[in-house]
N, C-alpha and C. Protein backbone atom coordinates (compact mmCIF):
# COMPACT_ATOMS: atom_id res chain seq x y z
N MET A 1 -6.30 13.27 -9.66
CA MET A 1 -5.71 12.04 -10.11
C MET A 1 -5.16 12.19 -11.52
N TYR A 2 -5.89 12.91 -12.34
CA TYR A 2 -5.44 13.09 -13.72
C TYR A 2 -4.11 13.84 -13.78
N THR A 3 -3.95 14.84 -12.96
CA THR A 3 -2.71 15.62 -12.96
C THR A 3 -1.52 14.77 -12.54
N ILE A 4 -1.70 13.96 -11.52
CA ILE A 4 -0.62 13.07 -11.08
C ILE A 4 -0.28 12.07 -12.17
N TRP A 5 -1.31 11.47 -12.78
CA TRP A 5 -1.07 10.49 -13.84
C TRP A 5 -0.36 11.14 -15.03
N ARG A 6 -0.80 12.33 -15.40
CA ARG A 6 -0.20 13.03 -16.53
C ARG A 6 1.27 13.33 -16.28
N ASN A 7 1.60 13.76 -15.08
CA ASN A 7 3.00 14.07 -14.78
C ASN A 7 3.87 12.83 -14.73
N GLN A 8 3.30 11.69 -14.39
CA GLN A 8 4.08 10.46 -14.32
C GLN A 8 4.25 9.79 -15.67
N PHE A 9 3.21 9.77 -16.50
CA PHE A 9 3.23 8.93 -17.68
C PHE A 9 3.28 9.66 -19.02
N LEU A 10 3.00 10.93 -19.05
CA LEU A 10 2.94 11.61 -20.34
C LEU A 10 4.19 12.43 -20.64
N GLN A 11 5.23 12.29 -19.87
CA GLN A 11 6.46 13.02 -20.13
C GLN A 11 7.23 12.37 -21.26
N GLY A 12 7.53 13.11 -22.29
CA GLY A 12 8.38 12.62 -23.37
C GLY A 12 7.71 11.69 -24.35
N LEU A 13 6.39 11.78 -24.51
CA LEU A 13 5.74 10.95 -25.52
C LEU A 13 5.99 11.57 -26.90
N PRO A 14 6.30 10.74 -27.89
CA PRO A 14 6.71 11.27 -29.19
C PRO A 14 5.60 11.91 -30.01
N ASN A 15 4.40 11.38 -29.97
CA ASN A 15 3.36 11.95 -30.84
C ASN A 15 2.01 11.99 -30.12
N PRO A 16 1.10 12.80 -30.63
CA PRO A 16 -0.21 12.94 -29.98
C PRO A 16 -1.06 11.68 -30.04
N ALA A 17 -0.87 10.82 -31.03
CA ALA A 17 -1.67 9.60 -31.13
C ALA A 17 -1.39 8.66 -29.95
N THR A 18 -0.13 8.53 -29.58
CA THR A 18 0.23 7.70 -28.43
C THR A 18 -0.33 8.29 -27.15
N MET A 19 -0.26 9.61 -27.04
CA MET A 19 -0.80 10.27 -25.86
C MET A 19 -2.30 10.05 -25.77
N ARG A 20 -3.01 10.13 -26.88
CA ARG A 20 -4.45 9.93 -26.89
C ARG A 20 -4.81 8.51 -26.48
N LYS A 21 -4.06 7.52 -26.95
CA LYS A 21 -4.31 6.12 -26.57
C LYS A 21 -4.13 5.91 -25.08
N LYS A 22 -3.07 6.48 -24.53
CA LYS A 22 -2.82 6.34 -23.09
C LYS A 22 -3.89 7.06 -22.28
N LEU A 23 -4.35 8.20 -22.78
CA LEU A 23 -5.39 8.94 -22.08
C LEU A 23 -6.73 8.20 -22.11
N ILE A 24 -7.06 7.58 -23.23
CA ILE A 24 -8.28 6.79 -23.32
C ILE A 24 -8.22 5.61 -22.37
N LYS A 25 -7.08 4.96 -22.30
CA LYS A 25 -6.91 3.83 -21.39
C LYS A 25 -7.06 4.27 -19.93
N PHE A 26 -6.48 5.43 -19.60
CA PHE A 26 -6.59 5.96 -18.25
C PHE A 26 -8.05 6.21 -17.87
N TYR A 27 -8.79 6.90 -18.73
CA TYR A 27 -10.18 7.20 -18.43
C TYR A 27 -11.04 5.94 -18.38
N LEU A 28 -10.76 4.97 -19.23
CA LEU A 28 -11.50 3.72 -19.21
C LEU A 28 -11.31 3.00 -17.87
N ILE A 29 -10.09 2.87 -17.44
CA ILE A 29 -9.81 2.22 -16.15
C ILE A 29 -10.42 3.00 -14.99
N PHE A 30 -10.29 4.33 -15.05
CA PHE A 30 -10.82 5.18 -13.99
C PHE A 30 -12.33 5.01 -13.84
N TYR A 31 -13.07 5.08 -14.95
CA TYR A 31 -14.52 5.00 -14.87
C TYR A 31 -15.00 3.58 -14.55
N VAL A 32 -14.31 2.56 -15.00
CA VAL A 32 -14.69 1.20 -14.64
C VAL A 32 -14.56 1.01 -13.13
N PHE A 33 -13.43 1.44 -12.55
CA PHE A 33 -13.27 1.32 -11.10
C PHE A 33 -14.26 2.20 -10.34
N LEU A 34 -14.57 3.36 -10.87
CA LEU A 34 -15.54 4.24 -10.22
C LEU A 34 -16.92 3.60 -10.17
N PHE A 35 -17.39 3.10 -11.31
CA PHE A 35 -18.72 2.49 -11.34
C PHE A 35 -18.77 1.19 -10.55
N LEU A 36 -17.71 0.38 -10.60
CA LEU A 36 -17.69 -0.84 -9.80
C LEU A 36 -17.71 -0.54 -8.31
N SER A 37 -16.94 0.45 -7.90
CA SER A 37 -16.93 0.79 -6.48
C SER A 37 -18.28 1.33 -6.02
N LEU A 38 -18.93 2.15 -6.85
CA LEU A 38 -20.27 2.64 -6.49
C LEU A 38 -21.28 1.50 -6.44
N PHE A 39 -21.17 0.57 -7.35
CA PHE A 39 -22.06 -0.59 -7.34
C PHE A 39 -21.90 -1.39 -6.05
N PHE A 40 -20.65 -1.69 -5.69
CA PHE A 40 -20.42 -2.49 -4.50
C PHE A 40 -20.79 -1.74 -3.23
N VAL A 41 -20.60 -0.44 -3.21
CA VAL A 41 -20.97 0.33 -2.02
C VAL A 41 -22.49 0.31 -1.84
N THR A 42 -23.23 0.47 -2.93
CA THR A 42 -24.69 0.47 -2.79
C THR A 42 -25.23 -0.93 -2.53
N LYS A 43 -24.61 -1.95 -3.08
CA LYS A 43 -25.11 -3.32 -2.91
C LYS A 43 -24.84 -3.85 -1.51
N PHE A 44 -23.67 -3.57 -0.98
CA PHE A 44 -23.27 -4.14 0.31
C PHE A 44 -23.18 -3.10 1.41
N TYR A 45 -23.97 -2.06 1.33
CA TYR A 45 -23.88 -0.95 2.29
C TYR A 45 -24.17 -1.40 3.72
N PHE A 46 -25.15 -2.26 3.90
CA PHE A 46 -25.56 -2.64 5.25
C PHE A 46 -24.94 -3.95 5.72
N GLU A 47 -24.08 -4.54 4.94
CA GLU A 47 -23.45 -5.79 5.32
C GLU A 47 -22.13 -5.51 6.03
N LYS A 48 -22.09 -5.73 7.32
CA LYS A 48 -20.91 -5.43 8.11
C LYS A 48 -19.72 -6.30 7.73
N THR A 49 -19.97 -7.54 7.35
CA THR A 49 -18.88 -8.45 7.00
C THR A 49 -18.11 -7.95 5.79
N TYR A 50 -18.83 -7.48 4.78
CA TYR A 50 -18.17 -6.98 3.57
C TYR A 50 -17.40 -5.69 3.84
N ILE A 51 -17.90 -4.88 4.72
CA ILE A 51 -17.18 -3.64 5.05
C ILE A 51 -15.87 -3.97 5.75
N VAL A 52 -15.89 -4.91 6.68
CA VAL A 52 -14.67 -5.30 7.38
C VAL A 52 -13.66 -5.89 6.41
N ILE A 53 -14.11 -6.71 5.49
CA ILE A 53 -13.20 -7.30 4.50
C ILE A 53 -12.61 -6.21 3.61
N ALA A 54 -13.42 -5.29 3.14
CA ALA A 54 -12.93 -4.22 2.27
C ALA A 54 -11.92 -3.33 2.98
N VAL A 55 -12.17 -3.03 4.24
CA VAL A 55 -11.24 -2.18 4.99
C VAL A 55 -9.93 -2.92 5.25
N SER A 56 -10.02 -4.21 5.52
CA SER A 56 -8.79 -4.95 5.79
C SER A 56 -7.98 -5.20 4.53
N LEU A 57 -8.58 -5.11 3.36
CA LEU A 57 -7.86 -5.28 2.11
C LEU A 57 -7.20 -3.99 1.61
N SER A 58 -7.26 -2.95 2.40
CA SER A 58 -6.69 -1.68 1.95
C SER A 58 -5.17 -1.70 1.88
N TRP A 59 -4.52 -2.68 2.47
CA TRP A 59 -3.06 -2.78 2.40
C TRP A 59 -2.59 -3.43 1.11
N ILE A 60 -3.45 -4.12 0.40
CA ILE A 60 -3.03 -4.88 -0.79
C ILE A 60 -2.44 -4.00 -1.89
N PRO A 61 -3.01 -2.83 -2.22
CA PRO A 61 -2.37 -2.02 -3.26
C PRO A 61 -0.93 -1.60 -2.90
N GLN A 62 -0.67 -1.31 -1.64
CA GLN A 62 0.69 -0.95 -1.24
C GLN A 62 1.63 -2.14 -1.36
N ILE A 63 1.16 -3.31 -1.00
CA ILE A 63 1.99 -4.51 -1.11
C ILE A 63 2.32 -4.81 -2.57
N VAL A 64 1.32 -4.71 -3.44
CA VAL A 64 1.54 -4.95 -4.87
C VAL A 64 2.51 -3.91 -5.43
N HIS A 65 2.34 -2.66 -5.04
CA HIS A 65 3.24 -1.60 -5.50
C HIS A 65 4.68 -1.90 -5.08
N ASN A 66 4.87 -2.32 -3.85
CA ASN A 66 6.22 -2.64 -3.38
C ASN A 66 6.81 -3.83 -4.13
N LEU A 67 5.98 -4.81 -4.47
CA LEU A 67 6.48 -5.95 -5.23
C LEU A 67 6.86 -5.57 -6.65
N VAL A 68 6.04 -4.74 -7.29
CA VAL A 68 6.32 -4.34 -8.67
C VAL A 68 7.56 -3.46 -8.73
N LYS A 69 7.66 -2.50 -7.82
CA LYS A 69 8.79 -1.57 -7.81
C LYS A 69 10.01 -2.13 -7.09
N ARG A 70 9.87 -3.32 -6.50
CA ARG A 70 10.94 -3.99 -5.76
C ARG A 70 11.48 -3.13 -4.61
N ASN A 71 10.57 -2.53 -3.89
CA ASN A 71 10.93 -1.75 -2.71
C ASN A 71 11.02 -2.69 -1.51
N ASN A 72 12.09 -2.58 -0.78
CA ASN A 72 12.24 -3.37 0.44
C ASN A 72 12.05 -2.53 1.69
N VAL A 73 11.65 -1.29 1.49
CA VAL A 73 11.43 -0.40 2.62
C VAL A 73 10.10 -0.78 3.27
N SER A 74 10.14 -1.08 4.53
CA SER A 74 8.92 -1.47 5.21
C SER A 74 8.56 -0.45 6.28
N MET A 75 7.28 -0.42 6.59
CA MET A 75 6.81 0.45 7.66
C MET A 75 7.06 -0.25 8.99
N PRO A 76 7.23 0.50 10.05
CA PRO A 76 7.38 -0.13 11.37
C PRO A 76 6.11 -0.90 11.73
N LEU A 77 6.28 -1.99 12.44
CA LEU A 77 5.15 -2.85 12.81
C LEU A 77 4.14 -2.08 13.65
N TYR A 78 4.60 -1.20 14.51
CA TYR A 78 3.71 -0.40 15.34
C TYR A 78 2.78 0.44 14.47
N SER A 79 3.33 1.05 13.44
CA SER A 79 2.53 1.89 12.55
C SER A 79 1.49 1.06 11.79
N ILE A 80 1.88 -0.11 11.32
CA ILE A 80 0.94 -0.98 10.60
C ILE A 80 -0.19 -1.42 11.51
N LEU A 81 0.14 -1.82 12.72
CA LEU A 81 -0.90 -2.27 13.67
C LEU A 81 -1.85 -1.14 14.05
N MET A 82 -1.31 0.04 14.30
CA MET A 82 -2.17 1.16 14.70
C MET A 82 -3.07 1.59 13.54
N ASN A 83 -2.57 1.60 12.32
CA ASN A 83 -3.42 1.94 11.17
C ASN A 83 -4.50 0.91 10.97
N SER A 84 -4.15 -0.35 11.09
CA SER A 84 -5.15 -1.42 10.90
C SER A 84 -6.23 -1.36 11.98
N ILE A 85 -5.82 -1.17 13.21
CA ILE A 85 -6.80 -1.08 14.30
C ILE A 85 -7.69 0.14 14.11
N ASN A 86 -7.10 1.24 13.72
CA ASN A 86 -7.88 2.46 13.49
C ASN A 86 -8.91 2.28 12.38
N LYS A 87 -8.55 1.56 11.32
CA LYS A 87 -9.49 1.35 10.22
C LYS A 87 -10.58 0.36 10.58
N LEU A 88 -10.32 -0.54 11.51
CA LEU A 88 -11.31 -1.57 11.84
C LEU A 88 -12.18 -1.25 13.06
N ILE A 89 -11.94 -0.12 13.70
CA ILE A 89 -12.72 0.21 14.90
C ILE A 89 -14.20 0.41 14.57
N PHE A 90 -14.51 1.22 13.55
CA PHE A 90 -15.91 1.52 13.25
C PHE A 90 -16.69 0.34 12.69
N PRO A 91 -16.13 -0.45 11.78
CA PRO A 91 -16.93 -1.60 11.30
C PRO A 91 -17.17 -2.66 12.36
N VAL A 92 -16.28 -2.80 13.31
CA VAL A 92 -16.46 -3.83 14.33
C VAL A 92 -17.57 -3.46 15.30
N LYS A 93 -17.79 -2.19 15.53
CA LYS A 93 -18.82 -1.74 16.49
C LYS A 93 -20.17 -2.13 16.08
């Protein structure tokens, strides 16, 4: 993840101080999400309802990305349905 982030955001930065600030922000966000996700996984591990909700919310980052970048390219409905069904098979059982 760090390599991808570095190639996207650290190209052409004028000085090392700006680069250091962006790097600190990256690591802060990364570790906050890491610890929050571990907390929620351990807290709600045996709750089937929360697992189904979390799996069904996996499309939200892609939708937000498309809104921010103003992409109008959509996936075929068949592909969306098959991915959603595939992700929800195990929690529903």
